[in-house]
């Protein structure tokens, strides 16, 4: 079985809501691919490439530019619309529900609603919450709920707008290309160094795009920890790697796959496409990420785990 652990679905209703933001819509920074809302196109591509199941998640940048109340409403509509697809095609889709932590009590209520009625298999969180780090203690009650229900977090990167040299419009989309992987990296670094994984040792986090910068800079991370922070946490930095998973959505960058495999190993790496983004209305990302995984010189058992076994275990897919 092949499972795409990081595939996005932006329903037509959510697409309209997004256009209220300064980021989305005709002539704005992020046109969104309308084909993704057509389930026939989606299923056709899944069948073409042998994808058995997609984990449907929202892309959290849809929340950029919205206040807590509007962000919560977008989450609610998105979660309902994703579940509608999962209910219509229960063997092809599972529901990853998006949460905004701008209002933590509201997020907990939405999480409880999704668990009770929307067959929630995990949650998507933005890598920062309007500039606030994921290690903020106000989020701990939310994490406690996730651990109670054994639900993973799928971290999706977002903007940080304080650095003009990576301005999205004047920096040739540098924020999108390099800023987003950085933001994913800082989110995971904060979850480790801020003691979140120490407090919640069973919390599982999927860091989008092959763990962003982490596999590439792991020895730099450890050197910094050993020099400056070795007494900050009760265990060594490397003890917390088991909490971190990665997906393969690196757009076909050949060297990234073995680099990610070296860090995550056969048990914490999962196929992910980032559909429907990229060229060819998203089809290219499905194809090149499959090709990248299959090109790795690894044992057949490890290949099976990455293509589907690990995601089935993490998301409880039968």
Protein backbone atom coordinates (compact mmCIF):
# COMPACT_ATOMS: atom_id res chain seq x y z
CA UNK A 1 0.00 0.00 0.00
CA UNK A 2 1.20 3.52 -0.86
CA UNK A 3 0.07 6.33 1.44
CA UNK A 4 0.60 10.02 0.68
CA UNK A 5 0.98 11.49 4.15
CA UNK A 6 1.14 15.15 3.07
CA UNK A 7 -1.48 15.95 0.45
CA UNK A 8 -3.45 19.15 0.65
CA UNK A 9 -7.11 19.80 -0.08
CA UNK A 10 -8.48 23.32 -0.38
CA UNK A 11 -12.23 23.09 -0.88
CA UNK A 12 -14.06 25.64 -3.00
CA UNK A 13 -15.65 27.09 0.15
CA UNK A 14 -12.28 27.57 1.85
CA UNK A 15 -10.89 29.03 -1.38
CA UNK A 16 -13.51 31.78 -1.26
CA UNK A 17 -12.78 32.49 2.39
CA UNK A 18 -9.07 32.79 1.61
CA UNK A 19 -9.68 35.61 -0.84
CA UNK A 20 -10.56 37.89 2.09
CA UNK A 21 -6.88 37.80 3.00
CA UNK A 22 -4.30 39.99 1.31
CA UNK A 23 -2.31 36.88 0.36
CA UNK A 24 -4.72 34.87 -1.78
CA UNK A 25 -6.75 35.22 -4.94
CA UNK A 26 -6.34 36.65 -8.43
CA UNK A 27 -3.39 39.03 -8.63
CA UNK A 28 -2.20 38.25 -5.09
CA UNK A 29 0.85 36.34 -3.86
CA UNK A 30 -0.71 32.88 -3.78
CA UNK A 31 -3.10 31.71 -6.46
CA UNK A 32 -4.39 28.34 -5.30
CA UNK A 33 -4.85 25.41 -7.71
CA UNK A 34 -8.58 25.04 -8.29
CA UNK A 35 -8.14 21.52 -9.71
CA UNK A 36 -7.45 20.24 -6.20
CA UNK A 37 -11.12 20.60 -5.27
CA UNK A 38 -12.18 18.21 -8.07
CA UNK A 39 -12.18 14.77 -6.50
CA UNK A 40 -12.29 13.11 -9.93
CA UNK A 41 -8.97 14.71 -10.87
CA UNK A 42 -7.49 13.77 -7.50
CA UNK A 43 -8.60 10.14 -7.68
CA UNK A 44 -7.46 9.90 -11.29
CA UNK A 45 -3.93 10.93 -10.35
CA UNK A 46 -3.91 8.63 -7.34
CA UNK A 47 -4.87 5.70 -9.56
CA UNK A 48 -2.35 6.67 -12.23
CA UNK A 49 0.54 6.57 -9.75
CA UNK A 50 -0.71 3.78 -7.51
CA UNK A 51 -1.49 5.95 -4.49
CA UNK A 52 -3.90 3.96 -2.34
CA UNK A 53 -4.61 6.54 0.37
CA UNK A 54 -4.11 10.27 0.76
CA UNK A 55 -4.04 11.93 4.16
CA UNK A 56 -5.99 15.12 3.44
CA UNK A 57 -4.60 18.13 5.24
CA UNK A 58 -5.06 21.84 4.81
CA UNK A 59 -2.14 24.09 4.01
CA UNK A 60 -1.87 26.35 7.05
CA UNK A 61 -0.83 29.51 5.17
CA UNK A 62 -4.54 29.83 4.35
CA UNK A 63 -4.77 31.26 7.87
CA UNK A 64 -2.29 34.07 7.22
CA UNK A 65 -3.78 37.51 7.63
CA UNK A 66 -6.82 36.38 9.63
CA UNK A 67 -7.71 37.07 13.25
CA UNK A 68 -8.42 34.30 15.76
CA UNK A 69 -12.15 34.19 15.11
CA UNK A 70 -11.87 34.04 11.32
CA UNK A 71 -9.01 31.53 11.49
CA UNK A 72 -11.12 29.25 13.67
CA UNK A 73 -13.98 29.45 11.17
CA UNK A 74 -11.67 28.56 8.27
CA UNK A 75 -10.44 25.57 10.27
CA UNK A 76 -14.00 24.44 10.96
CA UNK A 77 -15.08 24.66 7.31
CA UNK A 78 -11.88 23.01 6.10
CA UNK A 79 -12.19 20.14 8.56
CA UNK A 80 -15.82 19.56 7.61
CA UNK A 81 -15.07 19.63 3.89
CA UNK A 82 -12.12 17.26 4.22
CA UNK A 83 -14.24 14.86 6.24
CA UNK A 84 -16.94 14.93 3.57
CA UNK A 85 -14.41 13.52 1.10
CA UNK A 86 -13.19 10.97 3.61
CA UNK A 87 -16.74 9.83 4.29
CA UNK A 88 -17.53 9.57 0.58
CA UNK A 89 -14.31 7.64 -0.16
CA UNK A 90 -13.36 5.94 3.13
CA UNK A 91 -10.79 3.64 1.54
CA UNK A 92 -8.97 6.49 -0.24
CA UNK A 93 -8.78 9.40 2.21
CA UNK A 94 -8.17 10.04 5.90
CA UNK A 95 -8.75 13.33 7.68
CA UNK A 96 -5.96 15.49 9.09
CA UNK A 97 -7.69 18.40 10.80
CA UNK A 98 -6.28 21.93 10.81
CA UNK A 99 -6.14 23.90 14.05
CA UNK A 100 -5.35 27.52 14.84
CA UNK A 101 -3.80 28.13 18.25
CA UNK A 102 -4.54 31.86 18.26
CA UNK A 103 -7.34 30.94 20.68
CA UNK A 104 -6.26 27.79 22.53
CA UNK A 105 -9.61 27.08 24.17
CA UNK A 106 -11.30 27.34 20.79
CA UNK A 107 -8.68 25.01 19.31
CA UNK A 108 -9.32 22.41 22.01
CA UNK A 109 -13.06 22.58 21.35
CA UNK A 110 -12.45 22.12 17.63
CA UNK A 111 -10.09 19.23 18.30
CA UNK A 112 -12.70 17.53 20.49
CA UNK A 113 -15.32 18.05 17.78
CA UNK A 114 -13.05 16.55 15.13
CA UNK A 115 -12.21 13.55 17.30
CA UNK A 116 -15.86 12.92 18.13
CA UNK A 117 -17.36 13.36 14.69
CA UNK A 118 -14.82 13.79 11.88
CA UNK A 119 -12.59 10.70 12.28
CA UNK A 120 -9.56 12.88 12.97
CA UNK A 121 -6.25 11.02 12.42
CA UNK A 122 -3.92 13.93 13.17
CA UNK A 123 -3.76 17.72 13.21
CA UNK A 124 -2.03 20.29 11.06
CA UNK A 125 -0.44 23.25 12.83
CA UNK A 126 1.34 26.26 11.45
CA UNK A 127 5.04 26.44 12.32
CA UNK A 128 4.36 29.71 14.12
CA UNK A 129 1.17 31.18 15.48
CA UNK A 130 1.32 34.79 14.31
CA UNK A 131 4.94 34.93 15.43
CA UNK A 132 4.58 32.91 18.62
CA UNK A 133 6.63 29.70 18.94
CA UNK A 134 5.12 26.25 19.36
CA UNK A 135 6.99 25.85 22.66
CA UNK A 136 4.73 28.43 24.32
CA UNK A 137 3.33 26.89 27.51
CA UNK A 138 -0.15 28.16 26.74
CA UNK A 139 -0.32 25.44 24.07
CA UNK A 140 0.47 22.62 26.50
CA UNK A 141 -3.21 21.78 27.25
CA UNK A 142 -3.72 21.30 23.51
CA UNK A 143 -0.69 19.00 23.29
CA UNK A 144 -2.02 17.06 26.28
CA UNK A 145 -5.21 16.33 24.35
CA UNK A 146 -3.22 15.13 21.35
CA UNK A 147 -1.19 12.75 23.48
CA UNK A 148 -4.33 11.42 25.17
CA UNK A 149 -5.73 10.47 21.76
CA UNK A 150 -2.39 9.48 20.19
CA UNK A 151 -2.73 12.03 17.39
CA UNK A 152 0.35 13.36 15.56
CA UNK A 153 1.03 16.96 14.59
CA UNK A 154 1.83 17.71 10.95
CA UNK A 155 3.77 20.98 10.95
CA UNK A 156 3.29 23.19 7.91
CA UNK A 157 5.51 26.26 7.41
CA UNK A 158 4.24 29.81 7.37
CA UNK A 159 5.40 33.39 6.90
CA UNK A 160 7.51 35.54 9.18
CA UNK A 161 7.59 39.09 7.86
CA UNK A 162 10.27 40.85 9.89
CA UNK A 163 13.17 40.36 7.48
CA UNK A 164 12.92 42.55 4.35
CA UNK A 165 15.66 40.71 2.42
CA UNK A 166 13.38 37.69 2.08
CA UNK A 167 10.29 39.73 1.26
CA UNK A 168 7.92 37.59 -0.78
CA UNK A 169 7.29 40.20 -3.47
CA UNK A 170 10.69 41.97 -3.64
CA UNK A 171 12.87 38.95 -2.83
CA UNK A 172 11.84 36.72 -5.75
CA UNK A 173 9.60 34.56 -3.52
CA UNK A 174 12.56 33.86 -1.25
CA UNK A 175 10.23 33.48 1.70
CA UNK A 176 8.51 30.59 -0.04
CA UNK A 177 11.73 28.91 -1.21
CA UNK A 178 13.98 29.34 1.86
CA UNK A 179 11.94 31.05 4.57
CA UNK A 180 9.40 28.29 4.93
CA UNK A 181 11.98 25.51 5.52
CA UNK A 182 13.60 27.76 8.11
CA UNK A 183 10.30 28.28 9.88
CA UNK A 184 9.65 24.55 10.06
CA UNK A 185 13.15 24.10 11.48
CA UNK A 186 12.73 26.73 14.18
CA UNK A 187 9.41 25.14 15.16
CA UNK A 188 11.00 21.73 15.72
CA UNK A 189 14.05 23.25 17.44
CA UNK A 190 11.72 25.03 19.86
CA UNK A 191 9.74 21.86 20.53
CA UNK A 192 13.00 20.20 21.54
CA UNK A 193 14.80 23.03 23.34
CA UNK A 194 11.62 24.44 24.86
CA UNK A 195 11.04 21.14 26.63
CA UNK A 196 7.85 20.16 24.83
CA UNK A 197 9.10 16.68 23.93
CA UNK A 198 10.47 16.26 27.45
CA UNK A 199 7.06 17.18 28.89
CA UNK A 200 5.18 15.09 26.30
CA UNK A 201 7.49 12.19 25.38
CA UNK A 202 4.79 10.47 23.31
CA UNK A 203 4.02 13.51 21.16
CA UNK A 204 4.73 12.79 17.50
CA UNK A 205 5.52 15.55 14.99
CA UNK A 206 5.82 15.31 11.21
CA UNK A 207 8.12 18.08 9.94
CA UNK A 208 7.07 18.91 6.38
CA UNK A 209 9.55 18.79 3.48
CA UNK A 210 11.89 16.08 4.81
CA UNK A 211 12.29 17.74 8.18
CA UNK A 212 13.32 21.00 6.50
CA UNK A 213 16.92 21.89 7.49
CA UNK A 214 17.25 19.38 10.31
CA UNK A 215 18.72 16.34 8.48
CA UNK A 216 21.26 18.57 6.73
CA UNK A 217 22.35 20.47 9.85
CA UNK A 218 21.98 17.77 12.51
CA UNK A 219 25.67 17.82 13.50
CA UNK A 220 25.63 21.61 13.70
CA UNK A 221 22.62 21.34 15.99
CA UNK A 222 24.39 18.82 18.20
CA UNK A 223 27.59 20.87 18.32
CA UNK A 224 25.64 23.93 19.46
CA UNK A 225 23.76 21.88 22.04
CA UNK A 226 26.98 20.34 23.40
CA UNK A 227 28.72 23.71 23.65
CA UNK A 228 25.95 25.87 25.06
CA UNK A 229 22.92 23.87 26.20
CA UNK A 230 24.02 20.45 27.43
CA UNK A 231 22.63 21.17 30.91
CA UNK A 232 19.36 22.70 29.71
CA UNK A 233 17.57 19.39 29.13
CA UNK A 234 17.76 16.17 31.16
CA UNK A 235 18.67 14.17 28.05
CA UNK A 236 20.92 14.76 25.07
CA UNK A 237 19.44 16.50 22.04
CA UNK A 238 19.52 13.26 20.05
CA UNK A 239 17.19 11.56 22.53
CA UNK A 240 14.31 13.63 21.18
CA UNK A 241 14.78 12.74 17.51
CA UNK A 242 12.40 9.81 17.97
CA UNK A 243 9.54 12.31 18.29
CA UNK A 244 10.24 13.73 14.82
CA UNK A 245 9.03 12.26 11.54
CA UNK A 246 9.59 13.52 8.00
CA UNK A 247 7.82 13.36 4.67
CA UNK A 248 9.45 13.15 1.25
CA UNK A 249 8.02 16.33 -0.30
CA UNK A 250 11.29 17.82 -1.54
CA UNK A 251 10.18 18.30 -5.13
CA UNK A 252 12.54 15.71 -6.61
CA UNK A 253 15.80 17.05 -5.14
CA UNK A 254 17.75 13.81 -5.54
CA UNK A 255 20.31 14.25 -2.75
CA UNK A 256 17.66 15.15 -0.19
CA UNK A 257 16.17 11.65 -0.05
CA UNK A 258 19.27 9.78 1.21
CA UNK A 259 20.07 12.72 3.51
CA UNK A 260 16.60 12.48 5.03
CA UNK A 261 16.85 8.71 5.25
CA UNK A 262 20.17 9.00 7.10
CA UNK A 263 18.44 11.08 9.78
CA UNK A 264 14.95 9.55 10.00
CA UNK A 265 15.88 5.97 9.18
CA UNK A 266 13.37 3.45 7.84
CA UNK A 267 10.76 3.97 10.59
CA UNK A 268 10.18 7.75 10.68
CA UNK A 269 10.22 8.71 7.00
CA UNK A 270 7.02 8.69 4.92
CA UNK A 271 6.10 9.34 1.33
CA UNK A 272 4.48 12.75 0.89
CA UNK A 273 3.83 14.65 -2.32
CA UNK A 274 2.65 18.17 -1.36
CA UNK A 275 -0.10 17.77 -3.97
CA UNK A 276 -1.67 19.88 -5.51
CA UNK A 277 1.18 22.39 -5.55
CA UNK A 278 3.97 22.57 -8.09
CA UNK A 279 3.89 22.33 -11.87
CA UNK A 280 1.51 20.23 -13.93
CA UNK A 281 -1.29 21.12 -11.50
CA UNK A 282 0.48 19.11 -8.81
CA UNK A 283 1.02 15.91 -10.79
CA UNK A 284 4.77 16.48 -11.03
CA UNK A 285 5.20 16.45 -7.25
CA UNK A 286 3.38 13.12 -6.97
CA UNK A 287 5.66 11.62 -9.61
CA UNK A 288 9.06 13.06 -8.70
CA UNK A 289 8.72 12.31 -5.00
CA UNK A 290 7.79 8.72 -5.76
CA UNK A 291 10.77 8.50 -8.10
CA UNK A 292 13.05 9.99 -5.44
CA UNK A 293 12.01 7.42 -2.86
CA UNK A 294 12.31 4.51 -5.26
CA UNK A 295 15.77 5.62 -6.40
CA UNK A 296 17.22 5.16 -2.91
CA UNK A 297 19.46 2.14 -2.46
CA UNK A 298 17.75 0.78 0.65
CA UNK A 299 16.33 -2.61 1.70
CA UNK A 300 12.93 -3.61 0.34
CA UNK A 301 11.46 -3.66 3.85
CA UNK A 302 12.55 -0.05 4.42
CA UNK A 303 11.07 0.97 1.06
CA UNK A 304 7.73 -0.57 2.01
CA UNK A 305 7.70 1.30 5.30
CA UNK A 306 8.45 4.65 3.68
CA UNK A 307 5.91 4.23 0.89
CA UNK A 308 3.09 3.30 3.22
CA UNK A 309 3.83 1.23 6.29
CA UNK A 310 4.95 4.08 8.52
CA UNK A 311 2.00 6.29 7.62
CA UNK A 312 -0.42 3.41 8.17
CA UNK A 313 0.99 2.94 11.66
CA UNK A 314 1.10 6.66 12.52
CA UNK A 315 -2.38 7.46 11.19
CA UNK A 316 -4.00 4.11 12.09
CA UNK A 317 -4.90 3.23 8.50
CA UNK A 318 -6.18 -0.32 8.15
